């Protein structure tokens, strides 16, 4: 017998799992990019512009946005708060 899933909780669980997957890919790819840059420094024995910073920062902004949508954004609560604000104004 299969348990009934709460659709709202299932949707939240899927969003959080997707965020964690996104985080792991971000860490893996950025580790690789920074490693390539560091290896280039060792190979050339000179200073070099840290070009992976742009990928890290740009993608990081998207990752932070994904975090907030998966863990903090709750449309029902936002609607309820706005409704209460409107009621309090009257």
C-alpha atoms as a PDB file:
ATOM      1  CA  UNK A   1       0.000   0.000   0.000  1.00  0.00           C
ATOM      2  CA  UNK A   2       1.432   3.347  -1.072  1.00  0.00           C
ATOM      3  CA  UNK A   3       1.172   6.357   1.213  1.00  0.00           C
ATOM      4  CA  UNK A   4      -0.634   9.415  -0.070  1.00  0.00           C
ATOM      5  CA  UNK A   5       1.683  12.327  -0.725  1.00  0.00           C
ATOM      6  CA  UNK A   6       0.799  15.865   0.116  1.00  0.00           C
ATOM      7  CA  UNK A   7       1.147  17.607  -3.289  1.00  0.00           C
ATOM      8  CA  UNK A   8       2.397  20.824  -1.708  1.00  0.00           C
ATOM      9  CA  UNK A   9       5.080  19.058   0.336  1.00  0.00           C
ATOM     10  CA  UNK A  10       6.053  16.945  -2.671  1.00  0.00           C
ATOM     11  CA  UNK A  11       6.529  20.096  -4.758  1.00  0.00           C
ATOM     12  CA  UNK A  12       8.685  21.651  -2.009  1.00  0.00           C
ATOM     13  CA  UNK A  13      10.760  18.463  -1.718  1.00  0.00           C
ATOM     14  CA  UNK A  14      11.345  18.410  -5.484  1.00  0.00           C
ATOM     15  CA  UNK A  15      12.421  22.073  -5.456  1.00  0.00           C
ATOM     16  CA  UNK A  16      14.856  21.475  -2.609  1.00  0.00           C
ATOM     17  CA  UNK A  17      16.304  18.368  -4.254  1.00  0.00           C
ATOM     18  CA  UNK A  18      16.764  20.337  -7.492  1.00  0.00           C
ATOM     19  CA  UNK A  19      18.579  23.076  -5.571  1.00  0.00           C
ATOM     20  CA  UNK A  20      20.942  20.564  -3.964  1.00  0.00           C
ATOM     21  CA  UNK A  21      21.700  19.076  -7.374  1.00  0.00           C
ATOM     22  CA  UNK A  22      22.370  22.588  -8.726  1.00  0.00           C
ATOM     23  CA  UNK A  23      24.687  23.293  -5.777  1.00  0.00           C
ATOM     24  CA  UNK A  24      26.724  20.119  -6.363  1.00  0.00           C
ATOM     25  CA  UNK A  25      27.169  20.910 -10.060  1.00  0.00           C
ATOM     26  CA  UNK A  26      28.163  24.495  -9.175  1.00  0.00           C
ATOM     27  CA  UNK A  27      30.793  23.286  -6.710  1.00  0.00           C
ATOM     28  CA  UNK A  28      32.149  20.640  -9.080  1.00  0.00           C
ATOM     29  CA  UNK A  29      32.424  22.932 -12.107  1.00  0.00           C
ATOM     30  CA  UNK A  30      33.838  25.881 -10.176  1.00  0.00           C
ATOM     31  CA  UNK A  31      36.406  23.663  -8.468  1.00  0.00           C
ATOM     32  CA  UNK A  32      37.478  22.515 -11.912  1.00  0.00           C
ATOM     33  CA  UNK A  33      37.694  26.051 -13.293  1.00  0.00           C
ATOM     34  CA  UNK A  34      39.704  27.340 -10.338  1.00  0.00           C
ATOM     35  CA  UNK A  35      41.967  24.284 -10.563  1.00  0.00           C
ATOM     36  CA  UNK A  36      42.617  25.003 -14.239  1.00  0.00           C
ATOM     37  CA  UNK A  37      43.456  28.593 -13.386  1.00  0.00           C
ATOM     38  CA  UNK A  38      45.773  27.555 -10.529  1.00  0.00           C
ATOM     39  CA  UNK A  39      47.476  24.955 -12.727  1.00  0.00           C
ATOM     40  CA  UNK A  40      48.010  27.662 -15.335  1.00  0.00           C
ATOM     41  CA  UNK A  41      49.681  29.818 -12.690  1.00  0.00           C
ATOM     42  CA  UNK A  42      52.038  26.998 -11.732  1.00  0.00           C
ATOM     43  CA  UNK A  43      52.800  26.200 -15.353  1.00  0.00           C
ATOM     44  CA  UNK A  44      53.544  29.772 -16.414  1.00  0.00           C
ATOM     45  CA  UNK A  45      55.102  30.834 -13.095  1.00  0.00           C
ATOM     46  CA  UNK A  46      53.610  34.280 -13.376  1.00  0.00           C
ATOM     47  CA  UNK A  47      50.600  36.141 -12.089  1.00  0.00           C
ATOM     48  CA  UNK A  48      47.392  35.853 -14.020  1.00  0.00           C
ATOM     49  CA  UNK A  49      43.995  37.492 -13.930  1.00  0.00           C
ATOM     50  CA  UNK A  50      41.619  35.251 -11.942  1.00  0.00           C
ATOM     51  CA  UNK A  51      39.155  34.730 -14.799  1.00  0.00           C
ATOM     52  CA  UNK A  52      37.053  32.051 -12.999  1.00  0.00           C
ATOM     53  CA  UNK A  53      35.766  34.785 -10.681  1.00  0.00           C
ATOM     54  CA  UNK A  54      33.208  35.827 -13.297  1.00  0.00           C
ATOM     55  CA  UNK A  55      31.741  32.358 -13.609  1.00  0.00           C
ATOM     56  CA  UNK A  56      31.740  31.923  -9.844  1.00  0.00           C
ATOM     57  CA  UNK A  57      30.012  35.259  -9.202  1.00  0.00           C
ATOM     58  CA  UNK A  58      27.528  35.108 -12.076  1.00  0.00           C
ATOM     59  CA  UNK A  59      26.481  31.549 -11.448  1.00  0.00           C
ATOM     60  CA  UNK A  60      26.536  32.209  -7.697  1.00  0.00           C
ATOM     61  CA  UNK A  61      23.882  34.904  -8.107  1.00  0.00           C
ATOM     62  CA  UNK A  62      21.673  32.384  -9.880  1.00  0.00           C
ATOM     63  CA  UNK A  63      22.373  29.813  -7.187  1.00  0.00           C
ATOM     64  CA  UNK A  64      21.358  32.220  -4.411  1.00  0.00           C
ATOM     65  CA  UNK A  65      18.144  32.956  -6.294  1.00  0.00           C
ATOM     66  CA  UNK A  66      17.488  29.225  -6.628  1.00  0.00           C
ATOM     67  CA  UNK A  67      18.082  28.785  -2.880  1.00  0.00           C
ATOM     68  CA  UNK A  68      15.526  31.448  -1.983  1.00  0.00           C
ATOM     69  CA  UNK A  69      12.932  30.002  -4.327  1.00  0.00           C
ATOM     70  CA  UNK A  70      13.451  26.501  -2.911  1.00  0.00           C
ATOM     71  CA  UNK A  71      13.696  27.294   0.792  1.00  0.00           C
ATOM     72  CA  UNK A  72      12.079  30.621   1.601  1.00  0.00           C
ATOM     73  CA  UNK A  73       9.596  31.577  -1.095  1.00  0.00           C
ATOM     74  CA  UNK A  74       6.076  30.602  -0.157  1.00  0.00           C
ATOM     75  CA  UNK A  75       3.463  32.250  -2.354  1.00  0.00           C
ATOM     76  CA  UNK A  76       0.568  31.410  -0.046  1.00  0.00           C
ATOM     77  CA  UNK A  77       2.262  33.089   2.929  1.00  0.00           C
ATOM     78  CA  UNK A  78       3.127  36.145   0.842  1.00  0.00           C
ATOM     79  CA  UNK A  79      -0.465  36.488  -0.326  1.00  0.00           C
ATOM     80  CA  UNK A  80      -1.739  36.087   3.233  1.00  0.00           C
ATOM     81  CA  UNK A  81       0.639  38.810   4.515  1.00  0.00           C
ATOM     82  CA  UNK A  82      -0.398  41.221   1.773  1.00  0.00           C
ATOM     83  CA  UNK A  83      -4.048  40.523   2.499  1.00  0.00           C
ATOM     84  CA  UNK A  84      -3.503  41.241   6.195  1.00  0.00           C
ATOM     85  CA  UNK A  85      -1.731  44.522   5.347  1.00  0.00           C
ATOM     86  CA  UNK A  86      -4.682  45.593   3.247  1.00  0.00           C
ATOM     87  CA  UNK A  87      -7.125  44.668   6.004  1.00  0.00           C
ATOM     88  CA  UNK A  88      -5.118  46.632   8.562  1.00  0.00           C
ATOM     89  CA  UNK A  89      -5.206  49.758   6.384  1.00  0.00           C
ATOM     90  CA  UNK A  90      -8.981  49.870   6.448  1.00  0.00           C
END
